[in-house]
């Protein structure tokens, strides 16, 4: 096991040196799609952070991305709220979950999506 590896594949679609971190991954057992939820700083020169979802329908050969968060936030510096992600998928329904910190108030976000919605958002 582990004797055959493919070359690395970039999951995020930006071409900057920005940080992407705290990924969560799942595979839809019905469709075979791969989903990866992660925090991303591609749109900011500081530590402001967005939440992105990447997915692949071709066994991880290529990935598409969509930004899920509507506004950026600043993660906590103590490593607590704003650094946790989770994701589940079944039969085209994708349920990403993340935490964020706004003005010292932490919150939990959930954004259930259908695969068809993701494809439309990525156009």
N, C-alpha and C. Protein backbone atom coordinates (compact mmCIF):
# COMPACT_ATOMS: atom_id res chain seq x y z
N UNK A 1 0.83 -1.19 0.00
CA UNK A 1 0.00 0.00 0.00
C UNK A 1 0.87 1.25 0.00
N UNK A 2 0.42 2.27 -0.70
CA UNK A 2 1.16 3.52 -0.74
C UNK A 2 2.35 3.50 -1.68
N UNK A 3 2.46 2.47 -2.52
CA UNK A 3 3.60 2.39 -3.44
C UNK A 3 3.41 3.26 -4.69
N UNK A 4 2.18 3.61 -5.00
CA UNK A 4 1.89 4.37 -6.20
C UNK A 4 1.15 5.65 -5.84
N UNK A 5 1.80 6.76 -6.10
CA UNK A 5 1.20 8.06 -5.81
C UNK A 5 1.19 8.89 -7.08
N UNK A 6 0.12 9.67 -7.24
CA UNK A 6 0.06 10.61 -8.36
C UNK A 6 0.79 11.89 -7.95
N UNK A 7 1.14 12.72 -8.90
CA UNK A 7 1.73 14.01 -8.55
C UNK A 7 0.72 14.84 -7.75
N UNK A 8 1.18 15.80 -6.96
CA UNK A 8 0.27 16.65 -6.19
C UNK A 8 -0.69 17.40 -7.10
N UNK A 9 -1.90 17.64 -6.59
CA UNK A 9 -2.91 18.40 -7.31
C UNK A 9 -3.31 19.58 -6.43
N UNK A 10 -3.33 20.75 -7.01
CA UNK A 10 -3.74 21.95 -6.27
C UNK A 10 -5.26 21.93 -6.11
N UNK A 11 -5.71 22.07 -4.87
CA UNK A 11 -7.14 22.06 -4.57
C UNK A 11 -7.72 23.46 -4.72
N UNK A 12 -7.03 24.48 -4.21
CA UNK A 12 -7.53 25.85 -4.35
C UNK A 12 -7.19 26.36 -5.74
N UNK A 13 -7.99 27.29 -6.21
CA UNK A 13 -7.84 27.76 -7.59
C UNK A 13 -7.19 29.13 -7.71
N UNK A 14 -6.68 29.68 -6.61
CA UNK A 14 -6.00 30.97 -6.75
C UNK A 14 -4.53 30.74 -7.04
N UNK A 15 -3.89 31.75 -7.60
CA UNK A 15 -2.48 31.61 -7.96
C UNK A 15 -1.59 32.54 -7.14
N UNK A 16 -2.03 32.86 -5.92
CA UNK A 16 -1.24 33.70 -5.03
C UNK A 16 -0.49 32.83 -4.03
N UNK A 17 0.25 33.48 -3.14
CA UNK A 17 0.93 32.78 -2.06
C UNK A 17 0.11 32.85 -0.78
N UNK A 18 -1.17 33.11 -0.89
CA UNK A 18 -2.04 33.25 0.29
C UNK A 18 -2.17 31.92 1.03
N UNK A 19 -2.54 32.04 2.28
CA UNK A 19 -2.72 30.84 3.10
C UNK A 19 -4.09 30.23 2.91
N UNK A 20 -4.12 28.92 2.81
CA UNK A 20 -5.33 28.12 2.89
C UNK A 20 -5.07 27.17 4.05
N UNK A 21 -6.05 27.02 4.96
CA UNK A 21 -5.77 26.22 6.16
C UNK A 21 -7.03 25.61 6.75
N UNK A 22 -6.83 24.71 7.70
CA UNK A 22 -7.88 24.00 8.44
C UNK A 22 -8.86 23.28 7.51
N UNK A 23 -8.37 22.44 6.61
CA UNK A 23 -9.28 21.76 5.69
C UNK A 23 -10.08 20.64 6.36
N UNK A 24 -11.24 20.40 5.80
CA UNK A 24 -12.06 19.23 6.15
C UNK A 24 -12.43 18.59 4.82
N UNK A 25 -12.41 17.28 4.75
CA UNK A 25 -12.65 16.58 3.49
C UNK A 25 -13.69 15.48 3.69
N UNK A 26 -14.46 15.25 2.64
CA UNK A 26 -15.38 14.13 2.63
C UNK A 26 -15.56 13.67 1.19
N UNK A 27 -16.01 12.45 1.05
CA UNK A 27 -16.34 11.89 -0.26
C UNK A 27 -17.80 11.45 -0.20
N UNK A 28 -18.58 11.91 -1.17
CA UNK A 28 -19.97 11.50 -1.26
C UNK A 28 -19.99 10.02 -1.66
N UNK A 29 -20.51 9.13 -0.81
CA UNK A 29 -20.47 7.70 -1.13
C UNK A 29 -21.37 7.29 -2.30
N UNK A 30 -22.31 8.15 -2.67
CA UNK A 30 -23.21 7.83 -3.78
C UNK A 30 -22.63 8.33 -5.10
N UNK A 31 -22.18 9.60 -5.13
CA UNK A 31 -21.71 10.19 -6.39
C UNK A 31 -20.20 10.05 -6.60
N UNK A 32 -19.46 9.85 -5.53
CA UNK A 32 -18.01 9.78 -5.63
C UNK A 32 -17.32 11.14 -5.65
N UNK A 33 -18.09 12.21 -5.59
CA UNK A 33 -17.49 13.55 -5.58
C UNK A 33 -16.67 13.73 -4.31
N UNK A 34 -15.56 14.46 -4.43
CA UNK A 34 -14.70 14.82 -3.30
C UNK A 34 -14.99 16.27 -2.95
N UNK A 35 -15.17 16.55 -1.66
CA UNK A 35 -15.43 17.92 -1.19
C UNK A 35 -14.41 18.29 -0.13
N UNK A 36 -13.86 19.50 -0.24
CA UNK A 36 -12.90 19.99 0.74
C UNK A 36 -13.30 21.41 1.13
N UNK A 37 -13.54 21.60 2.42
CA UNK A 37 -13.88 22.90 2.98
C UNK A 37 -12.62 23.46 3.62
N UNK A 38 -12.34 24.76 3.44
CA UNK A 38 -11.14 25.33 4.03
C UNK A 38 -11.25 26.84 4.20
N UNK A 39 -10.45 27.37 5.12
CA UNK A 39 -10.31 28.81 5.28
C UNK A 39 -9.28 29.29 4.25
N UNK A 40 -9.48 30.52 3.75
CA UNK A 40 -8.65 31.01 2.65
C UNK A 40 -8.44 32.52 2.77
N UNK A 41 -7.22 32.96 2.53
CA UNK A 41 -6.88 34.39 2.59
C UNK A 41 -6.51 34.96 1.23
N UNK A 42 -6.90 34.34 0.16
CA UNK A 42 -6.50 34.78 -1.18
C UNK A 42 -6.95 36.20 -1.52
N UNK A 43 -8.02 36.67 -0.91
CA UNK A 43 -8.56 37.99 -1.25
C UNK A 43 -8.08 39.10 -0.33
N UNK A 44 -7.14 38.80 0.58
CA UNK A 44 -6.76 39.78 1.61
C UNK A 44 -5.25 39.82 1.80
N UNK A 45 -4.73 41.01 2.08
CA UNK A 45 -3.30 41.18 2.33
C UNK A 45 -2.95 40.99 3.80
N UNK A 46 -3.96 40.84 4.66
CA UNK A 46 -3.73 40.65 6.09
C UNK A 46 -4.33 39.30 6.51
N UNK A 47 -4.73 39.16 7.75
CA UNK A 47 -5.28 37.89 8.23
C UNK A 47 -6.79 37.75 8.06
N UNK A 48 -7.42 38.68 7.37
CA UNK A 48 -8.84 38.49 7.10
C UNK A 48 -9.01 37.19 6.30
N UNK A 49 -10.08 36.50 6.58
CA UNK A 49 -10.24 35.13 6.09
C UNK A 49 -11.63 34.90 5.53
N UNK A 50 -11.72 34.14 4.46
CA UNK A 50 -12.98 33.69 3.87
C UNK A 50 -13.06 32.18 4.00
N UNK A 51 -14.22 31.64 3.69
CA UNK A 51 -14.43 30.19 3.71
C UNK A 51 -14.73 29.75 2.28
N UNK A 52 -13.99 28.75 1.82
CA UNK A 52 -14.16 28.22 0.47
C UNK A 52 -14.48 26.73 0.50
N UNK A 53 -15.16 26.30 -0.55
CA UNK A 53 -15.43 24.89 -0.77
C UNK A 53 -14.86 24.50 -2.12
N UNK A 54 -14.05 23.46 -2.13
CA UNK A 54 -13.51 22.91 -3.38
C UNK A 54 -14.17 21.56 -3.61
N UNK A 55 -14.38 21.19 -4.87
CA UNK A 55 -14.94 19.88 -5.16
C UNK A 55 -14.38 19.34 -6.47
N UNK A 56 -14.40 18.03 -6.55
CA UNK A 56 -13.92 17.35 -7.74
C UNK A 56 -14.88 16.23 -8.09
N UNK A 57 -15.25 16.18 -9.35
CA UNK A 57 -16.09 15.09 -9.84
C UNK A 57 -15.32 14.12 -10.72
N UNK A 58 -13.98 14.31 -10.79
CA UNK A 58 -13.16 13.44 -11.63
C UNK A 58 -12.05 12.76 -10.82
N UNK A 59 -12.42 12.31 -9.64
CA UNK A 59 -11.50 11.56 -8.76
C UNK A 59 -10.30 12.37 -8.30
N UNK A 60 -10.46 13.69 -8.18
CA UNK A 60 -9.39 14.53 -7.67
C UNK A 60 -8.40 14.99 -8.71
N UNK A 61 -8.68 14.79 -9.98
CA UNK A 61 -7.78 15.26 -11.03
C UNK A 61 -7.82 16.79 -11.12
N UNK A 62 -9.03 17.36 -11.04
CA UNK A 62 -9.21 18.81 -11.06
C UNK A 62 -10.21 19.20 -9.97
N UNK A 63 -10.13 20.45 -9.55
CA UNK A 63 -11.04 20.97 -8.54
C UNK A 63 -11.62 22.31 -8.97
N UNK A 64 -12.85 22.55 -8.58
CA UNK A 64 -13.49 23.85 -8.72
C UNK A 64 -13.64 24.42 -7.31
N UNK A 65 -13.73 25.75 -7.21
CA UNK A 65 -13.88 26.42 -5.92
C UNK A 65 -15.05 27.37 -5.94
N UNK A 66 -15.67 27.55 -4.79
CA UNK A 66 -16.67 28.58 -4.60
C UNK A 66 -16.50 29.15 -3.19
N UNK A 67 -16.63 30.47 -3.09
CA UNK A 67 -16.54 31.11 -1.77
C UNK A 67 -17.90 30.99 -1.10
N UNK A 68 -17.91 30.49 0.14
CA UNK A 68 -19.16 30.32 0.88
C UNK A 68 -19.46 31.50 1.79
N UNK A 69 -18.43 32.08 2.40
CA UNK A 69 -18.67 33.19 3.32
C UNK A 69 -19.03 34.45 2.55
N UNK A 70 -19.95 35.22 3.09
CA UNK A 70 -20.35 36.46 2.42
C UNK A 70 -19.50 37.64 2.83
N UNK A 71 -18.89 37.56 4.01
CA UNK A 71 -17.99 38.60 4.49
C UNK A 71 -16.77 37.93 5.13
N UNK A 72 -15.61 38.60 5.10
CA UNK A 72 -14.43 38.03 5.74
C UNK A 72 -14.48 38.22 7.26
N UNK A 73 -13.64 37.49 7.96
CA UNK A 73 -13.53 37.63 9.40
C UNK A 73 -12.07 37.47 9.80
N UNK A 74 -11.76 37.83 11.05
CA UNK A 74 -10.42 37.66 11.59
C UNK A 74 -10.44 36.51 12.58
N UNK A 75 -9.74 35.42 12.30
CA UNK A 75 -9.71 34.29 13.24
C UNK A 75 -9.08 34.70 14.57
N UNK A 76 -9.46 34.01 15.61
CA UNK A 76 -8.90 34.27 16.94
C UNK A 76 -7.41 33.95 16.95
N UNK A 77 -6.65 34.72 17.66
CA UNK A 77 -5.21 34.48 17.73
C UNK A 77 -4.86 33.38 18.72
N UNK A 78 -5.81 32.99 19.57
CA UNK A 78 -5.54 31.95 20.57
C UNK A 78 -5.84 30.54 20.05
N UNK A 79 -6.20 30.43 18.77
CA UNK A 79 -6.42 29.12 18.18
C UNK A 79 -7.79 28.53 18.47
N UNK A 80 -8.70 29.33 19.00
CA UNK A 80 -10.03 28.81 19.30
C UNK A 80 -11.02 29.17 18.19
N UNK A 81 -12.14 29.83 18.43
CA UNK A 81 -13.14 30.01 17.37
C UNK A 81 -12.57 30.58 16.08
N UNK A 82 -13.08 30.10 14.98
CA UNK A 82 -12.62 30.55 13.68
C UNK A 82 -11.58 29.64 13.09
N UNK A 83 -11.38 28.46 13.66
CA UNK A 83 -10.39 27.54 13.12
C UNK A 83 -10.90 26.10 13.09
N UNK A 84 -12.19 25.94 13.00
CA UNK A 84 -12.75 24.59 12.97
C UNK A 84 -13.68 24.44 11.78
N UNK A 85 -13.53 23.36 11.05
CA UNK A 85 -14.36 23.07 9.90
C UNK A 85 -14.80 21.61 9.94
N UNK A 86 -15.93 21.34 9.28
CA UNK A 86 -16.41 19.97 9.12
C UNK A 86 -17.26 19.95 7.86
N UNK A 87 -17.41 18.76 7.27
CA UNK A 87 -18.21 18.66 6.05
C UNK A 87 -18.72 17.23 5.91
N UNK A 88 -19.94 17.12 5.38
CA UNK A 88 -20.53 15.82 5.08
C UNK A 88 -21.23 15.94 3.73
N UNK A 89 -21.36 14.81 3.03
CA UNK A 89 -22.05 14.81 1.74
C UNK A 89 -22.72 13.46 1.53
N UNK A 90 -23.90 13.50 0.92
CA UNK A 90 -24.60 12.26 0.58
C UNK A 90 -25.55 12.53 -0.59
N UNK A 91 -25.36 11.79 -1.67
CA UNK A 91 -26.24 11.84 -2.83
C UNK A 91 -26.43 13.27 -3.37
N UNK A 92 -25.34 14.03 -3.43
CA UNK A 92 -25.40 15.37 -4.01
C UNK A 92 -25.73 16.48 -3.02
N UNK A 93 -26.10 16.14 -1.78
CA UNK A 93 -26.32 17.15 -0.76
C UNK A 93 -25.02 17.31 0.02
N UNK A 94 -24.51 18.54 0.07
CA UNK A 94 -23.24 18.84 0.73
C UNK A 94 -23.55 19.76 1.91
N UNK A 95 -23.00 19.42 3.09
CA UNK A 95 -23.27 20.22 4.28
C UNK A 95 -21.94 20.64 4.92
N UNK A 96 -21.43 21.83 4.55
CA UNK A 96 -20.22 22.36 5.18
C UNK A 96 -20.58 23.12 6.46
N UNK A 97 -19.70 23.01 7.46
CA UNK A 97 -19.89 23.67 8.76
C UNK A 97 -18.58 24.33 9.15
N UNK A 98 -18.63 25.58 9.63
CA UNK A 98 -17.42 26.25 10.07
C UNK A 98 -17.73 27.23 11.19
N UNK A 99 -16.69 27.61 11.92
CA UNK A 99 -16.82 28.64 12.94
C UNK A 99 -16.12 29.89 12.45
N UNK A 100 -16.54 31.03 13.01
CA UNK A 100 -15.90 32.29 12.70
C UNK A 100 -16.00 33.21 13.90
N UNK A 101 -15.20 34.25 13.89
CA UNK A 101 -15.16 35.21 14.98
C UNK A 101 -15.41 36.60 14.42
N UNK A 102 -16.42 37.28 14.96
CA UNK A 102 -16.73 38.64 14.56
C UNK A 102 -16.85 39.50 15.82
N UNK A 103 -15.98 40.51 15.94
CA UNK A 103 -16.01 41.40 17.11
C UNK A 103 -16.05 40.62 18.42
N UNK A 104 -15.17 39.64 18.55
CA UNK A 104 -15.03 38.81 19.76
C UNK A 104 -16.23 37.89 20.00
N UNK A 105 -17.12 37.76 19.02
CA UNK A 105 -18.26 36.85 19.15
C UNK A 105 -18.07 35.69 18.18
N UNK A 106 -18.03 34.48 18.72
CA UNK A 106 -17.88 33.32 17.84
C UNK A 106 -19.25 32.84 17.39
N UNK A 107 -19.30 32.26 16.21
CA UNK A 107 -20.55 31.75 15.67
C UNK A 107 -20.27 30.50 14.84
N UNK A 108 -21.30 29.70 14.70
CA UNK A 108 -21.24 28.47 13.92
C UNK A 108 -22.09 28.66 12.68
N UNK A 109 -21.53 28.33 11.53
CA UNK A 109 -22.21 28.52 10.25
C UNK A 109 -22.40 27.18 9.54
N UNK A 110 -23.55 27.02 8.91
CA UNK A 110 -23.86 25.83 8.13
C UNK A 110 -24.45 26.29 6.81
N UNK A 111 -24.02 25.69 5.71
CA UNK A 111 -24.49 26.11 4.39
C UNK A 111 -24.84 24.89 3.54
N UNK A 112 -25.97 24.23 3.79
CA UNK A 112 -26.33 23.06 2.97
C UNK A 112 -26.52 23.47 1.50
N UNK A 113 -25.93 22.68 0.61
CA UNK A 113 -25.97 22.97 -0.82
C UNK A 113 -26.18 21.68 -1.61
N UNK A 114 -26.82 21.80 -2.73
CA UNK A 114 -26.91 20.70 -3.68
C UNK A 114 -25.76 20.83 -4.66
N UNK A 115 -25.28 19.72 -5.17
CA UNK A 115 -24.18 19.74 -6.15
C UNK A 115 -24.53 20.63 -7.35
N UNK A 116 -25.77 20.62 -7.78
CA UNK A 116 -26.18 21.44 -8.91
C UNK A 116 -26.01 22.93 -8.61
N UNK A 117 -26.25 23.34 -7.36
CA UNK A 117 -26.04 24.74 -6.95
C UNK A 117 -24.56 25.11 -7.03
N UNK A 118 -23.70 24.19 -6.63
CA UNK A 118 -22.26 24.45 -6.69
C UNK A 118 -21.80 24.64 -8.12
N UNK A 119 -22.26 23.77 -9.00
CA UNK A 119 -21.86 23.88 -10.42
C UNK A 119 -22.31 25.23 -10.98
N UNK A 120 -23.51 25.65 -10.64
CA UNK A 120 -24.02 26.92 -11.14
C UNK A 120 -23.21 28.08 -10.58
N UNK A 121 -22.85 28.02 -9.29
CA UNK A 121 -22.07 29.10 -8.65
C UNK A 121 -20.67 29.21 -9.23
N UNK A 122 -20.12 28.11 -9.72
CA UNK A 122 -18.75 28.09 -10.25
C UNK A 122 -18.67 28.58 -11.69
N UNK A 123 -19.79 28.80 -12.34
CA UNK A 123 -19.79 29.23 -13.75
C UNK A 123 -19.28 30.64 -13.90
